[in-house]
Structure formats: structure tokens, C-alpha cells
Amino acid sequence: MSYLNTLLFGIYPYVAIAIMVIGTWARYDHGQFTWKAHSTQTLSKKNMVMASVLFHVGVLVVFFGHLVGLLTPHAVYENFMSPGTKQIMAIVVGGIAGLMAIVGGGMLAWRRLTDPRVKASSTFADNMIIVILVLQLALGLLTILPTMGHLDGSTMLQFSAWAQGIVTLQGGVAAYIADVHWIYKAHIFLGLTIFVLFPFTRLVHMLSVPVEYFGRRYQVVRKRA
């Protein structure tokens, strides 16, 4: 079990990150025409806006919450916030955002799998990634259950030490989370797997920021004679 823990949470993170970075670069370099969100709003608008807003807002809050929460060293906030307070904030904010995202994601998944026109224009990757994202969100909400049993923030410190150890290339970081609840491990493993799938799905559109739009020239539009 120790070897498996090291493989999944000490080696696999680097494999997943490498595939994501190299794969994303290769797709941008060789397949820019495929670099898009493949919107299906013109095919079916029923509940589309509400589902999309709930999903994207919720996911963004959850993503940046994880990013800041895991990668911010404890020394940065220890003078004004205890680990327990930070953990309760994560439960409340993350729980609300996660619920929004899973409701919106569930609506989008149902629409993609059942609407005839949307289903016909969807690829296997489109269907797979939305289902995986909803499953990941569900696992994230389920982690609240074991978290409620230890509100002192100790487990959150373990996850922070693991994530920061991965980023700073420390050895033996898998040991930090060797004894945590299996739900946490399933959530982390699926999250890393999403990194692996990232370059091969529509998720790449997350990296597209229309910076050039703000500096573009004005377009003169004339009415038809």
C-alpha cells in the first residue's frame, strides 16, 4: 500500500502535469482550429444560460479556492487566521460554490446526453469530460463529511504540505496524505486525471483570454443600401 500511495500521489502528479503542459503546447502548436469550446447554444437554448452560469461561476470559485488554499504557505496567514478557521471557510464557501457547480454541471450533462440535436453534435470527449467534472464535484462535496469530524484544520495542513511539496519538487511528499480518508484520495486522483485529459478535451478553452480584443481597431459597419 505504501508503494501504491507513492505511485499515485508522489509520481502520478508529475506525470499528469507533464502530460497537461506538453499536450496543451502540442495542441496549440498543431491544432489551433480545434482550440475552442464547441458551443451548442445555437442548437438548444433551454436552461442553457442558467446552467452555464451556475457551472462556470461555481467551478471558478472552487478552482481558485483550491489554488490559493493549497499553495499559500501557513506562515502567510497564521497571524490572523487559524487553520481551523480557514477550514471552516473552505467548507462554507467551497460547499456553496460546489453545489452551484454540480447543479449547473448536472444540467449541462443531462442536456448533452439527452437533447437530440446537442447529442448529435457531441463527441465522446465532450460527454466524458462533463460527466467526469460532475463526478469530481460530487467527490469534492463528499469530502465535507470526513472534514466535519476534525475542524482543527490539521488535515488541510497535510494537503497544503503535499501540494506545496509537489510544486517545489520535494521528495517523499506522498507520505503527507498516506493516512487520510479514501474520499480525499479519490478526489485528488480524479483531479490529477483531469489534468491528463485537459489537452485532449474542450477544457483547453480555459486558457484562451481575448487580450487582443481590447487593442483591436474599430470596425466600421455600414447599413445595406
Protein backbone atom coordinates (compact mmCIF):
# COMPACT_ATOMS: atom_id res chain seq x y z
CA MET A 1 0.00 0.00 0.00
CA SER A 2 2.93 2.32 0.71
CA TYR A 3 4.23 1.77 -2.83
CA LEU A 4 0.78 2.39 -4.32
CA ASN A 5 0.42 5.60 -2.29
CA THR A 6 3.81 6.79 -3.54
CA LEU A 7 2.89 5.89 -7.12
CA LEU A 8 -0.47 7.69 -7.07
CA PHE A 9 0.42 10.75 -5.02
CA GLY A 10 4.19 11.06 -5.39
CA ILE A 11 4.83 10.11 -9.03
CA TYR A 12 1.48 10.39 -10.82
CA PRO A 13 1.17 14.16 -10.11
CA TYR A 14 4.32 14.84 -12.14
CA VAL A 15 3.17 12.54 -14.95
CA ALA A 16 -0.20 14.31 -15.04
CA ILE A 17 1.34 17.80 -15.03
CA ALA A 18 3.84 16.85 -17.75
CA ILE A 19 1.11 15.44 -20.00
CA MET A 20 -1.03 18.53 -19.44
CA VAL A 21 1.76 21.01 -20.23
CA ILE A 22 3.31 19.16 -23.18
CA GLY A 23 -0.03 18.06 -24.60
CA THR A 24 -1.51 21.56 -24.36
CA TRP A 25 1.53 23.10 -26.05
CA ALA A 26 1.41 20.49 -28.83
CA ARG A 27 -2.31 21.02 -29.43
CA TYR A 28 -1.92 24.79 -29.59
CA ASP A 29 1.01 24.43 -31.96
CA HIS A 30 -0.52 21.85 -34.29
CA GLY A 31 -4.29 22.01 -33.86
CA GLN A 32 -5.38 25.58 -33.22
CA PHE A 33 -8.58 25.03 -35.22
CA THR A 34 -9.71 22.56 -32.55
CA TRP A 35 -8.93 25.01 -29.74
CA LYS A 36 -12.46 26.12 -28.91
CA ALA A 37 -15.36 25.45 -26.56
CA HIS A 38 -17.62 23.96 -29.29
CA SER A 39 -20.64 25.90 -28.04
CA THR A 40 -24.03 24.27 -28.66
CA GLN A 41 -26.16 27.23 -27.55
CA THR A 42 -27.48 27.76 -31.08
CA LEU A 43 -28.76 24.17 -31.12
CA SER A 44 -30.72 24.34 -27.88
CA LYS A 45 -31.10 27.30 -25.53
CA LYS A 46 -33.43 25.72 -22.95
CA ASN A 47 -31.95 26.34 -19.46
CA MET A 48 -28.58 26.81 -21.15
CA VAL A 49 -27.75 30.23 -19.69
CA MET A 50 -28.71 29.37 -16.11
CA ALA A 51 -26.86 26.04 -16.22
CA SER A 52 -23.76 27.61 -17.77
CA VAL A 53 -23.62 30.48 -15.26
CA LEU A 54 -24.09 28.18 -12.26
CA PHE A 55 -21.45 25.78 -13.52
CA HIS A 56 -18.78 28.27 -14.57
CA VAL A 57 -19.11 30.58 -11.56
CA GLY A 58 -19.09 27.63 -9.18
CA VAL A 59 -16.12 25.96 -10.86
CA LEU A 60 -14.08 29.17 -10.92
CA VAL A 61 -14.65 29.76 -7.19
CA VAL A 62 -13.77 26.14 -6.41
CA PHE A 63 -10.67 26.18 -8.64
CA PHE A 64 -9.17 29.38 -7.28
CA GLY A 65 -10.17 28.39 -3.76
CA HIS A 66 -8.16 25.19 -4.12
CA LEU A 67 -5.28 27.04 -5.77
CA VAL A 68 -4.97 29.69 -3.04
CA GLY A 69 -5.87 27.38 -0.18
CA LEU A 70 -3.38 24.66 -1.04
CA LEU A 71 -0.45 26.71 -2.31
CA THR A 72 -0.46 29.55 0.24
CA PRO A 73 2.10 28.78 2.97
CA HIS A 74 0.70 28.62 6.50
CA ALA A 75 3.11 31.37 7.62
CA VAL A 76 1.34 33.88 5.36
CA TYR A 77 -1.95 33.75 7.27
CA GLU A 78 -1.11 32.27 10.68
CA ASN A 79 -1.04 35.70 12.38
CA PHE A 80 -4.68 36.47 11.57
CA MET A 81 -6.31 33.13 10.74
CA SER A 82 -6.02 29.72 12.33
CA PRO A 83 -6.05 26.53 10.23
CA GLY A 84 -9.43 25.68 11.75
CA THR A 85 -10.94 29.00 10.66
CA LYS A 86 -9.52 28.53 7.17
CA GLN A 87 -11.00 25.06 7.01
CA ILE A 88 -14.47 26.26 8.05
CA MET A 89 -14.27 29.00 5.40
CA ALA A 90 -13.34 26.36 2.84
CA ILE A 91 -16.32 24.22 3.86
CA VAL A 92 -18.82 27.09 3.64
CA VAL A 93 -17.54 28.85 0.51
CA GLY A 94 -16.46 25.66 -1.23
CA GLY A 95 -19.71 23.93 -0.32
CA ILE A 96 -21.87 26.70 -1.77
CA ALA A 97 -19.73 27.04 -4.91
CA GLY A 98 -19.52 23.28 -5.32
CA LEU A 99 -23.28 22.93 -5.03
CA MET A 100 -23.77 25.64 -7.67
CA ALA A 101 -21.29 23.93 -9.99
CA ILE A 102 -22.74 20.45 -9.57
CA VAL A 103 -26.30 21.68 -10.23
CA GLY A 104 -25.18 23.59 -13.33
CA GLY A 105 -22.90 20.77 -14.45
CA GLY A 106 -25.62 18.20 -13.94
CA MET A 107 -27.99 20.26 -16.09
CA LEU A 108 -25.35 20.60 -18.81
CA ALA A 109 -24.55 16.89 -18.70
CA TRP A 110 -28.23 15.94 -18.91
CA ARG A 111 -28.73 18.35 -21.81
CA ARG A 112 -25.71 16.98 -23.67
CA LEU A 113 -26.71 13.35 -23.17
CA THR A 114 -30.46 13.65 -23.85
CA ASP A 115 -31.11 16.55 -26.22
CA PRO A 116 -31.14 15.01 -29.74
CA ARG A 117 -29.52 17.98 -31.51
CA VAL A 118 -26.85 18.55 -28.86
CA LYS A 119 -26.18 14.82 -28.58
CA ALA A 120 -25.67 14.53 -32.32
CA SER A 121 -23.03 17.28 -32.33
CA SER A 122 -21.19 16.00 -29.22
CA THR A 123 -18.06 13.88 -29.30
CA PHE A 124 -17.11 11.12 -26.88
CA ALA A 125 -14.63 13.50 -25.25
CA ASP A 126 -17.36 16.14 -24.77
CA ASN A 127 -19.64 13.70 -22.99
CA MET A 128 -16.84 12.11 -20.99
CA ILE A 129 -15.36 15.31 -19.60
CA ILE A 130 -18.64 16.83 -18.40
CA VAL A 131 -19.55 13.58 -16.62
CA ILE A 132 -16.09 13.39 -15.02
CA LEU A 133 -16.29 17.01 -13.89
CA VAL A 134 -19.68 16.41 -12.26
CA LEU A 135 -18.29 13.29 -10.56
CA GLN A 136 -15.29 15.26 -9.33
CA LEU A 137 -17.56 17.97 -7.94
CA ALA A 138 -19.62 15.31 -6.17
CA LEU A 139 -16.48 13.84 -4.61
CA GLY A 140 -15.47 17.33 -3.52
CA LEU A 141 -18.78 17.81 -1.73
CA LEU A 142 -18.47 14.37 -0.14
CA THR A 143 -15.12 15.35 1.41
CA ILE A 144 -17.10 17.67 3.68
CA LEU A 145 -18.37 14.60 5.58
CA PRO A 146 -15.00 13.41 6.94
CA THR A 147 -13.85 17.02 7.28
CA MET A 148 -16.64 17.73 9.76
CA GLY A 149 -15.02 15.21 12.10
CA HIS A 150 -11.85 17.28 12.51
CA LEU A 151 -12.37 21.02 12.27
CA ASP A 152 -8.96 21.91 13.72
CA GLY A 153 -7.50 22.29 10.22
CA SER A 154 -4.85 19.60 10.67
CA THR A 155 -5.89 17.67 7.57
CA MET A 156 -5.91 20.85 5.49
CA LEU A 157 -2.30 21.46 6.58
CA GLN A 158 -1.43 17.96 5.37
CA PHE A 159 -2.92 18.65 1.95
CA SER A 160 -1.15 22.03 1.77
CA ALA A 161 2.17 20.41 2.64
CA TRP A 162 1.60 17.78 -0.04
CA ALA A 163 0.62 20.28 -2.77
CA GLN A 164 3.45 22.69 -1.93
CA GLY A 165 5.87 19.76 -1.84
CA ILE A 166 4.80 18.71 -5.33
CA VAL A 167 5.26 22.24 -6.69
CA THR A 168 8.69 22.65 -5.04
CA LEU A 169 9.85 19.17 -6.15
CA GLN A 170 10.31 17.78 -2.65
CA GLY A 171 10.79 14.08 -2.13
CA GLY A 172 8.53 11.80 -0.13
CA VAL A 173 5.52 14.13 -0.24
CA ALA A 174 3.08 11.24 -0.69
CA ALA A 175 3.62 10.42 2.99
CA TYR A 176 1.77 13.61 3.98
CA ILE A 177 -1.54 12.14 2.83
CA ALA A 178 -0.88 8.44 3.36
CA ASP A 179 -3.45 8.09 6.15
CA VAL A 180 -6.21 10.45 5.02
CA HIS A 181 -9.75 9.26 4.24
CA TRP A 182 -10.20 7.43 0.92
CA ILE A 183 -12.68 10.07 -0.30
CA TYR A 184 -9.90 12.67 -0.23
CA LYS A 185 -7.61 10.34 -2.16
CA ALA A 186 -10.27 9.60 -4.76
CA HIS A 187 -10.87 13.35 -5.17
CA ILE A 188 -7.16 14.05 -5.62
CA PHE A 189 -6.63 11.15 -8.02
CA LEU A 190 -9.56 12.18 -10.23
CA GLY A 191 -8.35 15.78 -10.15
CA LEU A 192 -4.93 14.68 -11.41
CA THR A 193 -6.62 12.57 -14.09
CA ILE A 194 -8.46 15.69 -15.28
CA PHE A 195 -5.01 17.25 -15.76
CA VAL A 196 -4.14 14.29 -18.01
CA LEU A 197 -7.34 14.70 -20.04
CA PHE A 198 -7.06 18.50 -20.24
CA PRO A 199 -5.15 18.79 -23.56
CA PHE A 200 -7.45 16.34 -25.33
CA THR A 201 -10.79 17.95 -24.49
CA ARG A 202 -12.61 21.27 -24.76
CA LEU A 203 -11.13 22.27 -21.39
CA VAL A 204 -8.26 23.96 -23.23
CA HIS A 205 -10.55 26.93 -23.89
CA MET A 206 -9.95 27.89 -20.23
CA LEU A 207 -6.57 29.23 -21.32
CA SER A 208 -8.00 31.47 -24.02
CA VAL A 209 -8.13 35.12 -22.94
CA PRO A 210 -9.21 37.64 -25.62
CA VAL A 211 -6.44 40.12 -24.78
CA GLU A 212 -6.12 41.29 -28.39
CA TYR A 213 -9.78 42.34 -28.37
CA PHE A 214 -9.02 45.38 -26.19
CA GLY A 215 -6.40 46.67 -28.62
CA ARG A 216 -8.16 45.91 -31.89
CA ARG A 217 -9.06 48.61 -34.37
CA TYR A 218 -12.60 49.91 -34.59
CA GLN A 219 -14.74 48.23 -37.21
CA VAL A 220 -16.92 50.41 -39.41
CA VAL A 221 -20.24 48.73 -40.06
CA ARG A 222 -22.45 50.22 -42.75
CA LYS A 223 -26.10 49.51 -43.34
CA ARG A 224 -27.00 47.69 -46.51
CA ALA A 225 -28.21 50.08 -49.23
